[in-house]
Amino acid sequence: MKNLKTKLLSANTRNMVAMAINPNTKTTKIYLHGLAKDGSKQWYESKGIYTNKTALSYFYAGEYKVVFAQGMTKSNVTDWI
């Protein structure tokens, strides 16, 4: 998916290194990029759909953990960072 707004995350215990949203729609999923313990890349997306305003708020604050609250799944949207 092109035109995702991406952000690198600070070091964290979940090994999530980046998050992304689609800022050009009324609603969006939140996408996460993480690294497994062996260093392999992992791509996730939220099961929940957020309003653009809410997603932007989480995005700018780097609040990737909100995705865990509604659940997440492996994503086919990869290689965005």
PDB file of N, CA and C in Angstrom:
ATOM      1  N   MET A   1       0.847  -1.171   0.000  1.00  0.00           N
ATOM      2  CA  MET A   1       0.000   0.000   0.000  1.00  0.00           C
ATOM      3  C   MET A   1       0.896   1.237   0.000  1.00  0.00           C
ATOM      4  N   LYS A   2       0.642   2.120  -0.905  1.00  0.00           N
ATOM      5  CA  LYS A   2       1.454   3.323  -0.998  1.00  0.00           C
ATOM      6  C   LYS A   2       0.819   4.448  -0.186  1.00  0.00           C
ATOM      7  N   ASN A   3       1.574   5.497   0.013  1.00  0.00           N
ATOM      8  CA  ASN A   3       1.119   6.705   0.688  1.00  0.00           C
ATOM      9  C   ASN A   3       0.827   6.518   2.170  1.00  0.00           C
ATOM     10  N   LEU A   4       1.431   5.523   2.797  1.00  0.00           N
ATOM     11  CA  LEU A   4       1.282   5.394   4.235  1.00  0.00           C
ATOM     12  C   LEU A   4       2.170   6.422   4.922  1.00  0.00           C
ATOM     13  N   LYS A   5       1.679   6.972   6.008  1.00  0.00           N
ATOM     14  CA  LYS A   5       2.456   7.885   6.836  1.00  0.00           C
ATOM     15  C   LYS A   5       3.179   7.004   7.849  1.00  0.00           C
ATOM     16  N   THR A   6       4.509   7.055   7.867  1.00  0.00           N
ATOM     17  CA  THR A   6       5.292   6.146   8.701  1.00  0.00           C
ATOM     18  C   THR A   6       6.049   6.894   9.787  1.00  0.00           C
ATOM     19  N   LYS A   7       6.336   6.166  10.853  1.00  0.00           N
ATOM     20  CA  LYS A   7       7.067   6.738  11.979  1.00  0.00           C
ATOM     21  C   LYS A   7       7.934   5.649  12.613  1.00  0.00           C
ATOM     22  N   LEU A   8       9.199   5.977  12.848  1.00  0.00           N
ATOM     23  CA  LEU A   8      10.061   5.066  13.591  1.00  0.00           C
ATOM     24  C   LEU A   8       9.744   5.202  15.073  1.00  0.00           C
ATOM     25  N   LEU A   9       9.774   4.086  15.773  1.00  0.00           N
ATOM     26  CA  LEU A   9       9.474   4.083  17.200  1.00  0.00           C
ATOM     27  C   LEU A   9      10.750   3.994  18.016  1.00  0.00           C
ATOM     28  N   SER A  10      10.696   4.505  19.223  1.00  0.00           N
ATOM     29  CA  SER A  10      11.845   4.364  20.119  1.00  0.00           C
ATOM     30  C   SER A  10      11.915   2.909  20.581  1.00  0.00           C
ATOM     31  N   ALA A  11      13.058   2.516  21.102  1.00  0.00           N
ATOM     32  CA  ALA A  11      13.261   1.130  21.553  1.00  0.00           C
ATOM     33  C   ALA A  11      12.187   0.759  22.570  1.00  0.00           C
ATOM     34  N   ASN A  12      11.683  -0.461  22.454  1.00  0.00           N
ATOM     35  CA  ASN A  12      10.632  -0.925  23.366  1.00  0.00           C
ATOM     36  C   ASN A  12      10.743  -2.432  23.572  1.00  0.00           C
ATOM     37  N   THR A  13      10.060  -2.939  24.588  1.00  0.00           N
ATOM     38  CA  THR A  13      10.164  -4.351  24.949  1.00  0.00           C
ATOM     39  C   THR A  13       9.487  -5.283  23.944  1.00  0.00           C
ATOM     40  N   ARG A  14       8.607  -4.757  23.109  1.00  0.00           N
ATOM     41  CA  ARG A  14       7.900  -5.575  22.118  1.00  0.00           C
ATOM     42  C   ARG A  14       8.655  -5.685  20.797  1.00  0.00           C
ATOM     43  N   ASN A  15       9.767  -4.979  20.675  1.00  0.00           N
ATOM     44  CA  ASN A  15      10.570  -4.980  19.444  1.00  0.00           C
ATOM     45  C   ASN A  15       9.810  -4.443  18.239  1.00  0.00           C
ATOM     46  N   MET A  16       8.874  -3.519  18.481  1.00  0.00           N
ATOM     47  CA  MET A  16       8.192  -2.834  17.383  1.00  0.00           C
ATOM     48  C   MET A  16       9.072  -1.654  16.988  1.00  0.00           C
ATOM     49  N   VAL A  17       9.406  -1.569  15.719  1.00  0.00           N
ATOM     50  CA  VAL A  17      10.344  -0.538  15.281  1.00  0.00           C
ATOM     51  C   VAL A  17       9.683   0.596  14.496  1.00  0.00           C
ATOM     52  N   ALA A  18       8.473   0.369  13.967  1.00  0.00           N
ATOM     53  CA  ALA A  18       7.816   1.417  13.194  1.00  0.00           C
ATOM     54  C   ALA A  18       6.310   1.201  13.191  1.00  0.00           C
ATOM     55  N   MET A  19       5.598   2.290  12.957  1.00  0.00           N
ATOM     56  CA  MET A  19       4.149   2.202  12.790  1.00  0.00           C
ATOM     57  C   MET A  19       3.748   3.053  11.595  1.00  0.00           C
ATOM     58  N   ALA A  20       2.563   2.777  11.060  1.00  0.00           N
ATOM     59  CA  ALA A  20       2.083   3.511   9.893  1.00  0.00           C
ATOM     60  C   ALA A  20       0.567   3.583   9.913  1.00  0.00           C
ATOM     61  N   ILE A  21       0.050   4.625   9.266  1.00  0.00           N
ATOM     62  CA  ILE A  21      -1.384   4.775   9.052  1.00  0.00           C
ATOM     63  C   ILE A  21      -1.599   5.309   7.639  1.00  0.00           C
ATOM     64  N   ASN A  22      -2.835   5.204   7.174  1.00  0.00           N
ATOM     65  CA  ASN A  22      -3.180   5.782   5.881  1.00  0.00           C
ATOM     66  C   ASN A  22      -3.878   7.115   6.162  1.00  0.00           C
ATOM     67  N   PRO A  23      -3.187   8.247   5.988  1.00  0.00           N
ATOM     68  CA  PRO A  23      -3.763   9.540   6.344  1.00  0.00           C
ATOM     69  C   PRO A  23      -4.748  10.086   5.318  1.00  0.00           C
ATOM     70  N   ASN A  24      -4.908   9.418   4.187  1.00  0.00           N
ATOM     71  CA  ASN A  24      -5.734   9.936   3.094  1.00  0.00           C
ATOM     72  C   ASN A  24      -7.136   9.334   3.052  1.00  0.00           C
ATOM     73  N   THR A  25      -7.554   8.709   4.145  1.00  0.00           N
ATOM     74  CA  THR A  25      -8.880   8.108   4.202  1.00  0.00           C
ATOM     75  C   THR A  25      -9.583   8.544   5.488  1.00  0.00           C
ATOM     76  N   LYS A  26     -10.891   8.331   5.568  1.00  0.00           N
ATOM     77  CA  LYS A  26     -11.640   8.707   6.773  1.00  0.00           C
ATOM     78  C   LYS A  26     -11.349   7.757   7.931  1.00  0.00           C
ATOM     79  N   THR A  27     -11.069   6.499   7.596  1.00  0.00           N
ATOM     80  CA  THR A  27     -10.724   5.501   8.607  1.00  0.00           C
ATOM     81  C   THR A  27      -9.479   4.753   8.157  1.00  0.00           C
ATOM     82  N   THR A  28      -8.780   4.180   9.112  1.00  0.00           N
ATOM     83  CA  THR A  28      -7.553   3.460   8.783  1.00  0.00           C
ATOM     84  C   THR A  28      -7.264   2.389   9.823  1.00  0.00           C
ATOM     85  N   LYS A  29      -6.562   1.391   9.395  1.00  0.00           N
ATOM     86  CA  LYS A  29      -5.956   0.449  10.319  1.00  0.00           C
ATOM     87  C   LYS A  29      -4.628   1.050  10.749  1.00  0.00           C
ATOM     88  N   ILE A  30      -4.071   0.552  11.827  1.00  0.00           N
ATOM     89  CA  ILE A  30      -2.734   0.953  12.241  1.00  0.00           C
ATOM     90  C   ILE A  30      -1.811  -0.221  11.928  1.00  0.00           C
ATOM     91  N   TYR A  31      -0.742   0.069  11.218  1.00  0.00           N
ATOM     92  CA  TYR A  31       0.205  -0.961  10.797  1.00  0.00           C
ATOM     93  C   TYR A  31       1.457  -0.890  11.658  1.00  0.00           C
ATOM     94  N   LEU A  32       1.979  -2.056  12.019  1.00  0.00           N
ATOM     95  CA  LEU A  32       3.190  -2.128  12.827  1.00  0.00           C
ATOM     96  C   LEU A  32       4.236  -2.988  12.137  1.00  0.00           C
ATOM     97  N   HIS A  33       5.476  -2.595  12.329  1.00  0.00           N
ATOM     98  CA  HIS A  33       6.607  -3.380  11.829  1.00  0.00           C
ATOM     99  C   HIS A  33       7.467  -3.727  13.032  1.00  0.00           C
ATOM    100  N   GLY A  34       7.747  -5.004  13.190  1.00  0.00           N
ATOM    101  CA  GLY A  34       8.559  -5.453  14.308  1.00  0.00           C
ATOM    102  C   GLY A  34       9.659  -6.390  13.851  1.00  0.00           C
ATOM    103  N   LEU A  35      10.517  -6.698  14.782  1.00  0.00           N
ATOM    104  CA  LEU A  35      11.598  -7.651  14.523  1.00  0.00           C
ATOM    105  C   LEU A  35      11.488  -8.812  15.498  1.00  0.00           C
ATOM    106  N   ALA A  36      11.584 -10.022  14.967  1.00  0.00           N
ATOM    107  CA  ALA A  36      11.589 -11.217  15.811  1.00  0.00           C
ATOM    108  C   ALA A  36      12.937 -11.313  16.527  1.00  0.00           C
ATOM    109  N   LYS A  37      13.021 -12.196  17.497  1.00  0.00           N
ATOM    110  CA  LYS A  37      14.279 -12.366  18.245  1.00  0.00           C
ATOM    111  C   LYS A  37      15.432 -12.754  17.333  1.00  0.00           C
ATOM    112  N   ASP A  38      15.126 -13.453  16.248  1.00  0.00           N
ATOM    113  CA  ASP A  38      16.189 -13.836  15.308  1.00  0.00           C
ATOM    114  C   ASP A  38      16.493 -12.740  14.288  1.00  0.00           C
ATOM    115  N   GLY A  39      15.807 -11.599  14.405  1.00  0.00           N
ATOM    116  CA  GLY A  39      16.051 -10.470  13.518  1.00  0.00           C
ATOM    117  C   GLY A  39      15.188 -10.441  12.269  1.00  0.00           C
ATOM    118  N   SER A  40      14.347 -11.452  12.083  1.00  0.00           N
ATOM    119  CA  SER A  40      13.491 -11.464  10.888  1.00  0.00           C
ATOM    120  C   SER A  40      12.387 -10.413  11.014  1.00  0.00           C
ATOM    121  N   LYS A  41      11.981  -9.879   9.871  1.00  0.00           N
ATOM    122  CA  LYS A  41      10.972  -8.823   9.838  1.00  0.00           C
ATOM    123  C   LYS A  41       9.577  -9.404  10.032  1.00  0.00           C
ATOM    124  N   GLN A  42       8.749  -8.663  10.766  1.00  0.00           N
ATOM    125  CA  GLN A  42       7.362  -9.054  10.992  1.00  0.00           C
ATOM    126  C   GLN A  42       6.470  -7.856  10.691  1.00  0.00           C
ATOM    127  N   TRP A  43       5.316  -8.118  10.082  1.00  0.00           N
ATOM    128  CA  TRP A  43       4.386  -7.064   9.681  1.00  0.00           C
ATOM    129  C   TRP A  43       3.014  -7.369  10.258  1.00  0.00           C
ATOM    130  N   TYR A  44       2.418  -6.378  10.936  1.00  0.00           N
ATOM    131  CA  TYR A  44       1.126  -6.559  11.589  1.00  0.00           C
ATOM    132  C   TYR A  44       0.192  -5.408  11.224  1.00  0.00           C
ATOM    133  N   GLU A  45      -1.104  -5.646  11.442  1.00  0.00           N
ATOM    134  CA  GLU A  45      -2.082  -4.583  11.313  1.00  0.00           C
ATOM    135  C   GLU A  45      -3.143  -4.770  12.385  1.00  0.00           C
ATOM    136  N   SER A  46      -3.756  -3.675  12.758  1.00  0.00           N
ATOM    137  CA  SER A  46      -4.797  -3.737  13.779  1.00  0.00           C
ATOM    138  C   SER A  46      -6.031  -4.437  13.224  1.00  0.00           C
ATOM    139  N   LYS A  47      -6.732  -5.150  14.088  1.00  0.00           N
ATOM    140  CA  LYS A  47      -8.015  -5.723  13.691  1.00  0.00           C
ATOM    141  C   LYS A  47      -9.078  -4.639  13.689  1.00  0.00           C
ATOM    142  N   GLY A  48      -8.911  -3.673  14.586  1.00  0.00           N
ATOM    143  CA  GLY A  48      -9.841  -2.555  14.661  1.00  0.00           C
ATOM    144  C   GLY A  48      -9.534  -1.508  13.610  1.00  0.00           C
ATOM    145  N   ILE A  49     -10.554  -0.737  13.281  1.00  0.00           N
ATOM    146  CA  ILE A  49     -10.391   0.364  12.333  1.00  0.00           C
ATOM    147  C   ILE A  49     -10.630   1.654  13.107  1.00  0.00           C
ATOM    148  N   TYR A  50      -9.729   2.595  12.931  1.00  0.00           N
ATOM    149  CA  TYR A  50      -9.746   3.844  13.673  1.00  0.00           C
ATOM    150  C   TYR A  50     -10.130   5.004  12.765  1.00  0.00           C
ATOM    151  N   THR A  51     -10.786   6.014  13.343  1.00  0.00           N
ATOM    152  CA  THR A  51     -11.016   7.232  12.579  1.00  0.00           C
ATOM    153  C   THR A  51      -9.655   7.851  12.317  1.00  0.00           C
ATOM    154  N   ASN A  52      -9.572   8.628  11.266  1.00  0.00           N
ATOM    155  CA  ASN A  52      -8.296   9.243  10.915  1.00  0.00           C
ATOM    156  C   ASN A  52      -7.797  10.131  12.055  1.00  0.00           C
ATOM    157  N   LYS A  53      -8.685  10.859  12.692  1.00  0.00           N
ATOM    158  CA  LYS A  53      -8.305  11.751  13.795  1.00  0.00           C
ATOM    159  C   LYS A  53      -7.701  10.957  14.953  1.00  0.00           C
ATOM    160  N   THR A  54      -8.341   9.875  15.325  1.00  0.00           N
ATOM    161  CA  THR A  54      -7.841   9.034  16.414  1.00  0.00           C
ATOM    162  C   THR A  54      -6.510   8.394  16.033  1.00  0.00           C
ATOM    163  N   ALA A  55      -6.424   7.874  14.822  1.00  0.00           N
ATOM    164  CA  ALA A  55      -5.191   7.229  14.362  1.00  0.00           C
ATOM    165  C   ALA A  55      -4.025   8.224  14.347  1.00  0.00           C
ATOM    166  N   LEU A  56      -4.284   9.436  13.884  1.00  0.00           N
ATOM    167  CA  LEU A  56      -3.229  10.454  13.881  1.00  0.00           C
ATOM    168  C   LEU A  56      -2.766  10.779  15.295  1.00  0.00           C
ATOM    169  N   SER A  57      -3.694  10.831  16.223  1.00  0.00           N
ATOM    170  CA  SER A  57      -3.345  11.100  17.615  1.00  0.00           C
ATOM    171  C   SER A  57      -2.416  10.013  18.154  1.00  0.00           C
ATOM    172  N   TYR A  58      -2.770   8.768  17.933  1.00  0.00           N
ATOM    173  CA  TYR A  58      -1.927   7.649  18.366  1.00  0.00           C
ATOM    174  C   TYR A  58      -0.588   7.666  17.636  1.00  0.00           C
ATOM    175  N   PHE A  59      -0.631   7.947  16.351  1.00  0.00           N
ATOM    176  CA  PHE A  59       0.566   7.966  15.525  1.00  0.00           C
ATOM    177  C   PHE A  59       1.573   8.989  16.040  1.00  0.00           C
ATOM    178  N   TYR A  60       1.138  10.233  16.226  1.00  0.00           N
ATOM    179  CA  TYR A  60       2.061  11.282  16.660  1.00  0.00           C
ATOM    180  C   TYR A  60       2.605  11.025  18.060  1.00  0.00           C
ATOM    181  N   ALA A  61       1.823  10.367  18.907  1.00  0.00           N
ATOM    182  CA  ALA A  61       2.270  10.045  20.256  1.00  0.00           C
ATOM    183  C   ALA A  61       3.111   8.769  20.291  1.00  0.00           C
ATOM    184  N   GLY A  62       3.151   8.030  19.182  1.00  0.00           N
ATOM    185  CA  GLY A  62       3.900   6.770  19.136  1.00  0.00           C
ATOM    186  C   GLY A  62       3.243   5.676  19.955  1.00  0.00           C
ATOM    187  N   GLU A  63       1.934   5.773  20.132  1.00  0.00           N
ATOM    188  CA  GLU A  63       1.177   4.824  20.958  1.00  0.00           C
ATOM    189  C   GLU A  63       0.841   3.553  20.179  1.00  0.00           C
ATOM    190  N   TYR A  64       1.843   2.767  19.893  1.00  0.00           N
ATOM    191  CA  TYR A  64       1.624   1.529  19.141  1.00  0.00           C
ATOM    192  C   TYR A  64       0.854   0.491  19.949  1.00  0.00           C
ATOM    193  N   LYS A  65       0.884   0.593  21.277  1.00  0.00           N
ATOM    194  CA  LYS A  65       0.251  -0.410  22.139  1.00  0.00           C
ATOM    195  C   LYS A  65      -1.266  -0.447  22.006  1.00  0.00           C
ATOM    196  N   VAL A  66      -1.875   0.613  21.475  1.00  0.00           N
ATOM    197  CA  VAL A  66      -3.333   0.605  21.310  1.00  0.00           C
ATOM    198  C   VAL A  66      -3.764  -0.507  20.372  1.00  0.00           C
ATOM    199  N   VAL A  67      -2.894  -0.916  19.477  1.00  0.00           N
ATOM    200  CA  VAL A  67      -3.219  -1.993  18.535  1.00  0.00           C
ATOM    201  C   VAL A  67      -3.441  -3.305  19.289  1.00  0.00           C
ATOM    202  N   PHE A  68      -2.711  -3.514  20.374  1.00  0.00           N
ATOM    203  CA  PHE A  68      -2.852  -4.745  21.143  1.00  0.00           C
ATOM    204  C   PHE A  68      -4.223  -4.836  21.816  1.00  0.00           C
ATOM    205  N   ALA A  69      -4.808  -3.696  22.194  1.00  0.00           N
ATOM    206  CA  ALA A  69      -6.092  -3.673  22.891  1.00  0.00           C
ATOM    207  C   ALA A  69      -7.217  -4.240  22.027  1.00  0.00           C
ATOM    208  N   GLN A  70      -7.253  -3.883  20.737  1.00  0.00           N
ATOM    209  CA  GLN A  70      -8.304  -4.382  19.848  1.00  0.00           C
ATOM    210  C   GLN A  70      -7.872  -5.623  19.085  1.00  0.00           C
ATOM    211  N   GLY A  71      -6.638  -5.990  19.249  1.00  0.00           N
ATOM    212  CA  GLY A  71      -6.116  -7.166  18.570  1.00  0.00           C
ATOM    213  C   GLY A  71      -5.400  -6.807  17.294  1.00  0.00           C
ATOM    214  N   MET A  72      -4.514  -7.694  16.885  1.00  0.00           N
ATOM    215  CA  MET A  72      -3.777  -7.482  15.645  1.00  0.00           C
ATOM    216  C   MET A  72      -3.589  -8.813  14.941  1.00  0.00           C
ATOM    217  N   THR A  73      -3.248  -8.717  13.688  1.00  0.00           N
ATOM    218  CA  THR A  73      -3.060  -9.894  12.866  1.00  0.00           C
ATOM    219  C   THR A  73      -1.880  -9.657  11.939  1.00  0.00           C
ATOM    220  N   LYS A  74      -1.341 -10.719  11.394  1.00  0.00           N
ATOM    221  CA  LYS A  74      -0.281 -10.580  10.397  1.00  0.00           C
ATOM    222  C   LYS A  74      -0.824  -9.797   9.211  1.00  0.00           C
ATOM    223  N   SER A  75      -0.012  -8.959   8.640  1.00  0.00           N
ATOM    224  CA  SER A  75      -0.462  -8.089   7.567  1.00  0.00           C
ATOM    225  C   SER A  75       0.139  -8.482   6.225  1.00  0.00           C
ATOM    226  N   ASN A  76      -0.646  -8.296   5.183  1.00  0.00           N
ATOM    227  CA  ASN A  76      -0.136  -8.449   3.812  1.00  0.00           C
ATOM    228  C   ASN A  76       0.450  -7.138   3.305  1.00  0.00           C
ATOM    229  N   VAL A  77       0.255  -6.073   4.070  1.00  0.00           N
ATOM    230  CA  VAL A  77       0.825  -4.768   3.735  1.00  0.00           C
ATOM    231  C   VAL A  77       2.222  -4.741   4.337  1.00  0.00           C
ATOM    232  N   THR A  78       3.229  -4.954   3.509  1.00  0.00           N
ATOM    233  CA  THR A  78       4.596  -5.091   3.992  1.00  0.00           C
ATOM    234  C   THR A  78       5.530  -4.136   3.250  1.00  0.00           C
ATOM    235  N   ASP A  79       6.740  -4.085   3.723  1.00  0.00           N
ATOM    236  CA  ASP A  79       7.813  -3.321   3.084  1.00  0.00           C
ATOM    237  C   ASP A  79       7.484  -1.849   2.906  1.00  0.00           C
ATOM    238  N   TRP A  80       6.762  -1.275   3.869  1.00  0.00           N
ATOM    239  CA  TRP A  80       6.439   0.150   3.800  1.00  0.00           C
ATOM    240  C   TRP A  80       7.490   1.022   4.462  1.00  0.00           C
ATOM    241  N   ILE A  81       8.468   0.396   5.060  1.00  0.00           N
ATOM    242  CA  ILE A  81       9.584   1.159   5.637  1.00  0.00           C
ATOM    243  C   ILE A  81      10.888   0.462   5.347  1.00  0.00           C
TER     244      ILE A  81
END
